[in-house]
């Protein structure tokens, strides 16, 4: 993929087209799908703003010897940001429950013939899913906008699964951002069916230390929960801009 495409008028035009094509239909979809589409997060290349991007994530992946996994990748925009910055696409994997998102990513970025990344259709809660091929092989897991889709019990399951995906050595890394809240607890879905757990930094750290302790793995956890403005009239604005709510950037580093 041409690195200039990300700032080109052509890409900007396609972004606007995708907003029109997917925003209104998304209103009729499930909550989990709305989470991806309504926020337009699939159009934002936010990994490049992560605090570790220039100091660690990109340099490690530019070596061509480390594996990156975009977990819950949807259109795999973060993966493509890395590739545009020089990371070998063959070292980048994407995984999502629905492969049609990944197919549409090829259309959005116009790179079907050049991108060498492998995309996996998998359910994170299915122990026998195709994700097993990556167990113990991944250096950096990008879990942006993923954990916050689930209850606390489900998030603990996901954390165990992510630890299994990471290489069992010091420095293996989980990075991302997600909706959080200064009052960590379960919050009801808009549909009225079920809940999702929103963390603050302390509860996020506590969860990972608990799961690491179960597995005998030391972890170092960093997070920053900040207020966000600018979601305007989007249906999910209250989840990010409501009382106590915000976006939390994070990383989780394996220590041994």
C-alpha atoms as a PDB file:
ATOM      1  CA  UNK A   1       0.000   0.000   0.000  1.00  0.00           C
ATOM      2  CA  UNK A   2       1.291   3.442  -0.929  1.00  0.00           C
ATOM      3  CA  UNK A   3       2.070   5.269   2.325  1.00  0.00           C
ATOM      4  CA  UNK A   4       0.679   8.456   0.818  1.00  0.00           C
ATOM      5  CA  UNK A   5      -2.798   6.943   0.437  1.00  0.00           C
ATOM      6  CA  UNK A   6      -3.516   7.540   4.126  1.00  0.00           C
ATOM      7  CA  UNK A   7      -3.392  11.304   3.712  1.00  0.00           C
ATOM      8  CA  UNK A   8      -4.513  11.511   0.110  1.00  0.00           C
ATOM      9  CA  UNK A   9      -7.734  13.092  -1.199  1.00  0.00           C
ATOM     10  CA  UNK A  10      -8.588   9.664  -2.627  1.00  0.00           C
ATOM     11  CA  UNK A  11      -8.594   8.045   0.807  1.00  0.00           C
ATOM     12  CA  UNK A  12     -10.476  10.984   2.329  1.00  0.00           C
ATOM     13  CA  UNK A  13     -13.124  10.570  -0.364  1.00  0.00           C
ATOM     14  CA  UNK A  14     -13.460   6.854   0.362  1.00  0.00           C
ATOM     15  CA  UNK A  15     -13.774   7.597   4.090  1.00  0.00           C
ATOM     16  CA  UNK A  16     -16.754   9.826   3.392  1.00  0.00           C
ATOM     17  CA  UNK A  17     -18.287   7.222   1.107  1.00  0.00           C
ATOM     18  CA  UNK A  18     -17.984   4.560   3.797  1.00  0.00           C
ATOM     19  CA  UNK A  19     -19.599   6.801   6.392  1.00  0.00           C
ATOM     20  CA  UNK A  20     -22.621   7.170   4.141  1.00  0.00           C
ATOM     21  CA  UNK A  21     -22.726   3.488   3.251  1.00  0.00           C
ATOM     22  CA  UNK A  22     -22.389   2.085   6.761  1.00  0.00           C
ATOM     23  CA  UNK A  23     -23.652   4.610   9.307  1.00  0.00           C
ATOM     24  CA  UNK A  24     -27.390   4.341   8.597  1.00  0.00           C
ATOM     25  CA  UNK A  25     -27.432   0.550   7.993  1.00  0.00           C
ATOM     26  CA  UNK A  26     -25.476   0.081  11.222  1.00  0.00           C
ATOM     27  CA  UNK A  27     -28.411   1.410  13.229  1.00  0.00           C
ATOM     28  CA  UNK A  28     -30.229  -1.848  12.496  1.00  0.00           C
ATOM     29  CA  UNK A  29     -27.330  -4.106  13.494  1.00  0.00           C
ATOM     30  CA  UNK A  30     -26.410  -5.737  16.790  1.00  0.00           C
ATOM     31  CA  UNK A  31     -24.742  -3.740  19.557  1.00  0.00           C
ATOM     32  CA  UNK A  32     -21.384  -5.427  18.912  1.00  0.00           C
ATOM     33  CA  UNK A  33     -21.453  -4.381  15.272  1.00  0.00           C
ATOM     34  CA  UNK A  34     -22.639  -0.862  16.095  1.00  0.00           C
ATOM     35  CA  UNK A  35     -19.657  -0.525  18.417  1.00  0.00           C
ATOM     36  CA  UNK A  36     -17.395  -0.823  15.398  1.00  0.00           C
ATOM     37  CA  UNK A  37     -19.358   1.058  12.778  1.00  0.00           C
ATOM     38  CA  UNK A  38     -21.225   3.921  14.431  1.00  0.00           C
ATOM     39  CA  UNK A  39     -18.096   5.461  15.923  1.00  0.00           C
ATOM     40  CA  UNK A  40     -16.359   5.289  12.528  1.00  0.00           C
ATOM     41  CA  UNK A  41     -13.438   3.817  14.434  1.00  0.00           C
ATOM     42  CA  UNK A  42     -12.774   1.668  11.387  1.00  0.00           C
ATOM     43  CA  UNK A  43     -11.765   4.851   9.570  1.00  0.00           C
ATOM     44  CA  UNK A  44      -9.316   6.133  12.189  1.00  0.00           C
ATOM     45  CA  UNK A  45      -5.661   5.089  12.114  1.00  0.00           C
ATOM     46  CA  UNK A  46      -5.256   5.655  15.830  1.00  0.00           C
ATOM     47  CA  UNK A  47      -2.433   3.225  16.539  1.00  0.00           C
ATOM     48  CA  UNK A  48      -0.002   5.874  15.328  1.00  0.00           C
ATOM     49  CA  UNK A  49      -1.010   8.088  18.271  1.00  0.00           C
ATOM     50  CA  UNK A  50      -0.321   5.411  20.901  1.00  0.00           C
ATOM     51  CA  UNK A  51       2.389   6.509  23.376  1.00  0.00           C
ATOM     52  CA  UNK A  52       4.600   3.543  22.411  1.00  0.00           C
ATOM     53  CA  UNK A  53       4.148   3.791  18.650  1.00  0.00           C
ATOM     54  CA  UNK A  54       7.308   5.629  17.658  1.00  0.00           C
ATOM     55  CA  UNK A  55       9.479   4.461  20.567  1.00  0.00           C
ATOM     56  CA  UNK A  56       8.698   0.737  20.534  1.00  0.00           C
ATOM     57  CA  UNK A  57       5.808  -0.631  18.466  1.00  0.00           C
ATOM     58  CA  UNK A  58       7.031   0.568  15.083  1.00  0.00           C
ATOM     59  CA  UNK A  59      10.776  -0.016  15.657  1.00  0.00           C
ATOM     60  CA  UNK A  60      10.190  -3.577  16.841  1.00  0.00           C
ATOM     61  CA  UNK A  61       7.979  -4.447  13.901  1.00  0.00           C
ATOM     62  CA  UNK A  62      10.265  -2.787  11.347  1.00  0.00           C
ATOM     63  CA  UNK A  63      12.875  -5.447  12.124  1.00  0.00           C
ATOM     64  CA  UNK A  64      10.726  -7.909  10.179  1.00  0.00           C
ATOM     65  CA  UNK A  65      11.253 -10.551  12.884  1.00  0.00           C
ATOM     66  CA  UNK A  66       8.257  -9.855  15.114  1.00  0.00           C
ATOM     67  CA  UNK A  67       4.578 -10.676  14.658  1.00  0.00           C
ATOM     68  CA  UNK A  68       1.715  -8.223  15.112  1.00  0.00           C
ATOM     69  CA  UNK A  69      -1.919  -9.251  15.631  1.00  0.00           C
ATOM     70  CA  UNK A  70      -4.792  -6.813  15.139  1.00  0.00           C
ATOM     71  CA  UNK A  71      -7.406  -8.472  17.379  1.00  0.00           C
ATOM     72  CA  UNK A  72     -10.988  -7.623  16.482  1.00  0.00           C
ATOM     73  CA  UNK A  73      -9.509  -5.941  13.442  1.00  0.00           C
ATOM     74  CA  UNK A  74     -12.721  -5.090  11.530  1.00  0.00           C
ATOM     75  CA  UNK A  75     -11.320  -3.199   8.507  1.00  0.00           C
ATOM     76  CA  UNK A  76      -7.731  -3.687   9.766  1.00  0.00           C
ATOM     77  CA  UNK A  77      -6.919   0.005   9.545  1.00  0.00           C
ATOM     78  CA  UNK A  78      -4.274  -0.150  12.286  1.00  0.00           C
ATOM     79  CA  UNK A  79      -2.530  -3.016  10.542  1.00  0.00           C
ATOM     80  CA  UNK A  80      -2.447  -0.967   7.364  1.00  0.00           C
ATOM     81  CA  UNK A  81      -1.044   2.048   9.204  1.00  0.00           C
ATOM     82  CA  UNK A  82       1.917  -0.118  10.200  1.00  0.00           C
ATOM     83  CA  UNK A  83       2.374  -1.419   6.671  1.00  0.00           C
ATOM     84  CA  UNK A  84       2.272   2.130   5.317  1.00  0.00           C
ATOM     85  CA  UNK A  85       5.052   2.977   7.763  1.00  0.00           C
ATOM     86  CA  UNK A  86       7.244   0.170   6.423  1.00  0.00           C
ATOM     87  CA  UNK A  87       6.343  -2.918   8.450  1.00  0.00           C
ATOM     88  CA  UNK A  88       6.385  -6.106   6.300  1.00  0.00           C
ATOM     89  CA  UNK A  89       2.736  -6.995   5.758  1.00  0.00           C
ATOM     90  CA  UNK A  90       3.579 -10.709   5.935  1.00  0.00           C
ATOM     91  CA  UNK A  91       4.381 -10.232   9.640  1.00  0.00           C
ATOM     92  CA  UNK A  92       0.951  -8.726  10.354  1.00  0.00           C
ATOM     93  CA  UNK A  93      -2.189 -10.721  11.143  1.00  0.00           C
ATOM     94  CA  UNK A  94      -5.776  -9.644  11.593  1.00  0.00           C
ATOM     95  CA  UNK A  95      -8.537 -11.542  13.371  1.00  0.00           C
ATOM     96  CA  UNK A  96     -12.245 -10.825  13.521  1.00  0.00           C
ATOM     97  CA  UNK A  97     -15.472 -12.697  14.027  1.00  0.00           C
ATOM     98  CA  UNK A  98     -16.769 -11.485  10.664  1.00  0.00           C
ATOM     99  CA  UNK A  99     -14.597 -11.798   7.581  1.00  0.00           C
ATOM    100  CA  UNK A 100     -16.859  -9.510   5.550  1.00  0.00           C
ATOM    101  CA  UNK A 101     -15.327  -6.571   7.435  1.00  0.00           C
ATOM    102  CA  UNK A 102     -11.909  -7.727   6.298  1.00  0.00           C
ATOM    103  CA  UNK A 103     -13.077  -8.082   2.696  1.00  0.00           C
ATOM    104  CA  UNK A 104     -14.444  -4.548   2.803  1.00  0.00           C
ATOM    105  CA  UNK A 105     -11.086  -3.388   4.112  1.00  0.00           C
ATOM    106  CA  UNK A 106      -9.509  -4.440   0.835  1.00  0.00           C
ATOM    107  CA  UNK A 107     -12.056  -2.295  -0.959  1.00  0.00           C
ATOM    108  CA  UNK A 108     -11.495   0.720   1.274  1.00  0.00           C
ATOM    109  CA  UNK A 109      -7.699   0.615   1.006  1.00  0.00           C
ATOM    110  CA  UNK A 110      -7.471  -0.807  -2.527  1.00  0.00           C
ATOM    111  CA  UNK A 111      -4.698  -3.244  -1.586  1.00  0.00           C
ATOM    112  CA  UNK A 112      -6.018  -6.756  -2.206  1.00  0.00           C
ATOM    113  CA  UNK A 113      -3.241  -7.540  -4.679  1.00  0.00           C
ATOM    114  CA  UNK A 114      -0.401  -6.131  -2.570  1.00  0.00           C
ATOM    115  CA  UNK A 115      -1.190  -6.762   1.109  1.00  0.00           C
ATOM    116  CA  UNK A 116       0.405 -10.042   2.248  1.00  0.00           C
ATOM    117  CA  UNK A 117      -1.167 -10.129   5.704  1.00  0.00           C
ATOM    118  CA  UNK A 118      -3.223 -13.111   6.821  1.00  0.00           C
ATOM    119  CA  UNK A 119      -6.745 -12.572   8.133  1.00  0.00           C
ATOM    120  CA  UNK A 120      -8.382 -15.111  10.424  1.00  0.00           C
ATOM    121  CA  UNK A 121     -12.098 -15.544  11.099  1.00  0.00           C
ATOM    122  CA  UNK A 122     -12.295 -16.577  14.743  1.00  0.00           C
ATOM    123  CA  UNK A 123     -14.370 -16.329  17.905  1.00  0.00           C
ATOM    124  CA  UNK A 124     -12.148 -15.393  20.844  1.00  0.00           C
ATOM    125  CA  UNK A 125     -14.359 -17.543  23.101  1.00  0.00           C
ATOM    126  CA  UNK A 126     -13.904 -20.660  20.961  1.00  0.00           C
ATOM    127  CA  UNK A 127     -10.845 -22.476  22.286  1.00  0.00           C
ATOM    128  CA  UNK A 128     -10.664 -24.511  19.086  1.00  0.00           C
ATOM    129  CA  UNK A 129     -10.783 -21.555  16.699  1.00  0.00           C
ATOM    130  CA  UNK A 130      -8.224 -20.805  14.009  1.00  0.00           C
ATOM    131  CA  UNK A 131      -6.490 -18.406  16.417  1.00  0.00           C
ATOM    132  CA  UNK A 132      -4.745 -21.461  17.838  1.00  0.00           C
ATOM    133  CA  UNK A 133      -2.236 -21.282  15.000  1.00  0.00           C
ATOM    134  CA  UNK A 134      -0.869 -18.100  16.600  1.00  0.00           C
ATOM    135  CA  UNK A 135      -0.588 -19.433  20.161  1.00  0.00           C
ATOM    136  CA  UNK A 136       2.782 -18.483  21.615  1.00  0.00           C
ATOM    137  CA  UNK A 137       3.848 -16.694  18.412  1.00  0.00           C
ATOM    138  CA  UNK A 138       2.678 -13.088  18.722  1.00  0.00           C
ATOM    139  CA  UNK A 139       4.976 -10.284  19.875  1.00  0.00           C
ATOM    140  CA  UNK A 140       2.457  -7.422  19.895  1.00  0.00           C
ATOM    141  CA  UNK A 141      -1.318  -7.773  20.212  1.00  0.00           C
ATOM    142  CA  UNK A 142      -3.350  -4.696  19.323  1.00  0.00           C
ATOM    143  CA  UNK A 143      -6.622  -5.024  21.254  1.00  0.00           C
ATOM    144  CA  UNK A 144      -8.075  -1.611  20.447  1.00  0.00           C
ATOM    145  CA  UNK A 145     -11.836  -1.264  20.993  1.00  0.00           C
ATOM    146  CA  UNK A 146     -12.090  -4.932  21.927  1.00  0.00           C
ATOM    147  CA  UNK A 147     -12.142  -5.682  25.653  1.00  0.00           C
ATOM    148  CA  UNK A 148     -14.790  -3.035  26.318  1.00  0.00           C
ATOM    149  CA  UNK A 149     -17.305  -5.077  24.309  1.00  0.00           C
ATOM    150  CA  UNK A 150     -17.614  -7.627  27.116  1.00  0.00           C
ATOM    151  CA  UNK A 151     -18.566  -8.223  30.738  1.00  0.00           C
ATOM    152  CA  UNK A 152     -15.805  -8.405  33.324  1.00  0.00           C
ATOM    153  CA  UNK A 153     -15.992 -12.204  33.409  1.00  0.00           C
ATOM    154  CA  UNK A 154     -15.718 -12.312  29.626  1.00  0.00           C
ATOM    155  CA  UNK A 155     -12.821  -9.854  29.654  1.00  0.00           C
ATOM    156  CA  UNK A 156     -10.930 -12.121  32.021  1.00  0.00           C
ATOM    157  CA  UNK A 157     -11.442 -14.984  29.572  1.00  0.00           C
ATOM    158  CA  UNK A 158     -10.143 -12.782  26.749  1.00  0.00           C
ATOM    159  CA  UNK A 159      -7.113 -11.762  28.816  1.00  0.00           C
ATOM    160  CA  UNK A 160      -6.233 -15.426  29.396  1.00  0.00           C
ATOM    161  CA  UNK A 161      -6.567 -16.073  25.676  1.00  0.00           C
ATOM    162  CA  UNK A 162      -4.405 -13.079  24.793  1.00  0.00           C
ATOM    163  CA  UNK A 163      -1.677 -14.241  27.190  1.00  0.00           C
ATOM    164  CA  UNK A 164      -1.723 -17.591  25.386  1.00  0.00           C
ATOM    165  CA  UNK A 165      -1.239 -15.843  22.037  1.00  0.00           C
ATOM    166  CA  UNK A 166       1.794 -13.866  23.223  1.00  0.00           C
ATOM    167  CA  UNK A 167       5.293 -15.246  22.963  1.00  0.00           C
ATOM    168  CA  UNK A 168       6.197 -16.589  26.409  1.00  0.00           C
ATOM    169  CA  UNK A 169       9.050 -14.159  26.985  1.00  0.00           C
ATOM    170  CA  UNK A 170       9.825 -10.802  28.517  1.00  0.00           C
ATOM    171  CA  UNK A 171       8.642  -7.846  26.474  1.00  0.00           C
ATOM    172  CA  UNK A 172       5.650  -9.378  24.724  1.00  0.00           C
ATOM    173  CA  UNK A 173       3.115  -6.597  24.550  1.00  0.00           C
ATOM    174  CA  UNK A 174      -0.613  -5.829  24.450  1.00  0.00           C
ATOM    175  CA  UNK A 175      -1.545  -2.318  23.329  1.00  0.00           C
ATOM    176  CA  UNK A 176      -4.688  -0.412  22.473  1.00  0.00           C
ATOM    177  CA  UNK A 177      -7.384   1.973  23.549  1.00  0.00           C
ATOM    178  CA  UNK A 178     -10.930   1.451  24.746  1.00  0.00           C
ATOM    179  CA  UNK A 179     -13.898   3.132  26.371  1.00  0.00           C
ATOM    180  CA  UNK A 180     -13.411   3.429  30.111  1.00  0.00           C
ATOM    181  CA  UNK A 181     -15.017   5.066  33.102  1.00  0.00           C
ATOM    182  CA  UNK A 182     -13.724   6.579  36.336  1.00  0.00           C
ATOM    183  CA  UNK A 183     -16.391   4.488  38.072  1.00  0.00           C
ATOM    184  CA  UNK A 184     -15.455   0.937  37.018  1.00  0.00           C
ATOM    185  CA  UNK A 185     -18.485  -1.321  36.850  1.00  0.00           C
ATOM    186  CA  UNK A 186     -20.882  -3.087  34.512  1.00  0.00           C
ATOM    187  CA  UNK A 187     -22.872  -0.733  32.286  1.00  0.00           C
ATOM    188  CA  UNK A 188     -26.045  -1.721  30.462  1.00  0.00           C
ATOM    189  CA  UNK A 189     -26.105  -2.003  26.696  1.00  0.00           C
ATOM    190  CA  UNK A 190     -28.310   0.366  24.735  1.00  0.00           C
ATOM    191  CA  UNK A 191     -30.438  -2.604  23.704  1.00  0.00           C
ATOM    192  CA  UNK A 192     -31.252  -3.283  27.346  1.00  0.00           C
ATOM    193  CA  UNK A 193     -29.872  -6.799  27.029  1.00  0.00           C
ATOM    194  CA  UNK A 194     -26.714  -7.527  28.967  1.00  0.00           C
ATOM    195  CA  UNK A 195     -23.838  -5.396  30.226  1.00  0.00           C
ATOM    196  CA  UNK A 196     -20.307  -4.343  29.402  1.00  0.00           C
ATOM    197  CA  UNK A 197     -17.611  -3.604  31.942  1.00  0.00           C
ATOM    198  CA  UNK A 198     -15.886  -0.227  31.821  1.00  0.00           C
ATOM    199  CA  UNK A 199     -12.491   0.005  33.514  1.00  0.00           C
ATOM    200  CA  UNK A 200     -10.527   2.763  35.088  1.00  0.00           C
ATOM    201  CA  UNK A 201      -6.748   2.379  35.172  1.00  0.00           C
ATOM    202  CA  UNK A 202      -6.713   0.690  38.584  1.00  0.00           C
ATOM    203  CA  UNK A 203      -9.334  -1.930  37.722  1.00  0.00           C
ATOM    204  CA  UNK A 204      -7.644  -2.595  34.368  1.00  0.00           C
ATOM    205  CA  UNK A 205      -4.313  -3.155  36.109  1.00  0.00           C
ATOM    206  CA  UNK A 206      -5.960  -5.308  38.742  1.00  0.00           C
ATOM    207  CA  UNK A 207      -7.580  -7.558  36.148  1.00  0.00           C
ATOM    208  CA  UNK A 208      -4.313  -8.183  34.331  1.00  0.00           C
ATOM    209  CA  UNK A 209      -2.380  -8.773  37.538  1.00  0.00           C
ATOM    210  CA  UNK A 210      -5.038 -11.290  38.578  1.00  0.00           C
ATOM    211  CA  UNK A 211      -4.858 -13.175  35.280  1.00  0.00           C
ATOM    212  CA  UNK A 212      -1.079 -12.993  35.177  1.00  0.00           C
ATOM    213  CA  UNK A 213      -0.969 -14.384  38.697  1.00  0.00           C
ATOM    214  CA  UNK A 214      -3.145 -17.318  37.661  1.00  0.00           C
ATOM    215  CA  UNK A 215      -0.688 -18.137  34.881  1.00  0.00           C
ATOM    216  CA  UNK A 216       2.451 -17.415  36.876  1.00  0.00           C
ATOM    217  CA  UNK A 217       3.291 -14.511  34.555  1.00  0.00           C
ATOM    218  CA  UNK A 218       4.431 -11.097  35.731  1.00  0.00           C
ATOM    219  CA  UNK A 219       2.886  -8.121  33.946  1.00  0.00           C
ATOM    220  CA  UNK A 220       3.466  -4.387  33.916  1.00  0.00           C
ATOM    221  CA  UNK A 221       0.337  -2.370  33.144  1.00  0.00           C
ATOM    222  CA  UNK A 222       0.024   1.256  32.086  1.00  0.00           C
ATOM    223  CA  UNK A 223      -3.123   3.194  31.297  1.00  0.00           C
ATOM    224  CA  UNK A 224      -4.387   6.722  30.818  1.00  0.00           C
ATOM    225  CA  UNK A 225      -8.104   7.514  31.008  1.00  0.00           C
ATOM    226  CA  UNK A 226      -9.002  10.881  29.527  1.00  0.00           C
ATOM    227  CA  UNK A 227     -12.116  12.816  28.716  1.00  0.00           C
ATOM    228  CA  UNK A 228     -13.061  12.983  25.050  1.00  0.00           C
ATOM    229  CA  UNK A 229     -15.098  15.564  23.231  1.00  0.00           C
ATOM    230  CA  UNK A 230     -16.317  15.784  19.680  1.00  0.00           C
ATOM    231  CA  UNK A 231     -18.576  12.754  19.345  1.00  0.00           C
ATOM    232  CA  UNK A 232     -21.445  15.170  18.797  1.00  0.00           C
ATOM    233  CA  UNK A 233     -24.777  13.564  18.011  1.00  0.00           C
ATOM    234  CA  UNK A 234     -23.521  10.052  17.399  1.00  0.00           C
ATOM    235  CA  UNK A 235     -25.661   7.443  19.064  1.00  0.00           C
ATOM    236  CA  UNK A 236     -22.844   6.203  21.287  1.00  0.00           C
ATOM    237  CA  UNK A 237     -21.607   9.660  22.366  1.00  0.00           C
ATOM    238  CA  UNK A 238     -22.828   9.152  25.937  1.00  0.00           C
ATOM    239  CA  UNK A 239     -20.639   6.089  26.397  1.00  0.00           C
ATOM    240  CA  UNK A 240     -17.499   8.133  25.745  1.00  0.00           C
ATOM    241  CA  UNK A 241     -18.566  11.620  26.858  1.00  0.00           C
ATOM    242  CA  UNK A 242     -20.985  10.841  29.703  1.00  0.00           C
ATOM    243  CA  UNK A 243     -20.292  11.307  33.392  1.00  0.00           C
ATOM    244  CA  UNK A 244     -17.039   9.588  34.317  1.00  0.00           C
ATOM    245  CA  UNK A 245     -16.595   8.211  30.805  1.00  0.00           C
ATOM    246  CA  UNK A 246     -13.622   8.595  28.526  1.00  0.00           C
ATOM    247  CA  UNK A 247     -11.101   6.814  26.335  1.00  0.00           C
ATOM    248  CA  UNK A 248      -8.334   4.807  27.953  1.00  0.00           C
ATOM    249  CA  UNK A 249      -5.057   4.131  26.171  1.00  0.00           C
ATOM    250  CA  UNK A 250      -3.110   1.221  27.606  1.00  0.00           C
ATOM    251  CA  UNK A 251      -0.299  -1.223  27.340  1.00  0.00           C
ATOM    252  CA  UNK A 252       0.354  -4.505  29.128  1.00  0.00           C
ATOM    253  CA  UNK A 253       3.903  -5.839  29.066  1.00  0.00           C
ATOM    254  CA  UNK A 254       4.955  -9.367  29.951  1.00  0.00           C
ATOM    255  CA  UNK A 255       7.818  -9.278  32.452  1.00  0.00           C
ATOM    256  CA  UNK A 256       9.009 -12.900  32.286  1.00  0.00           C
END
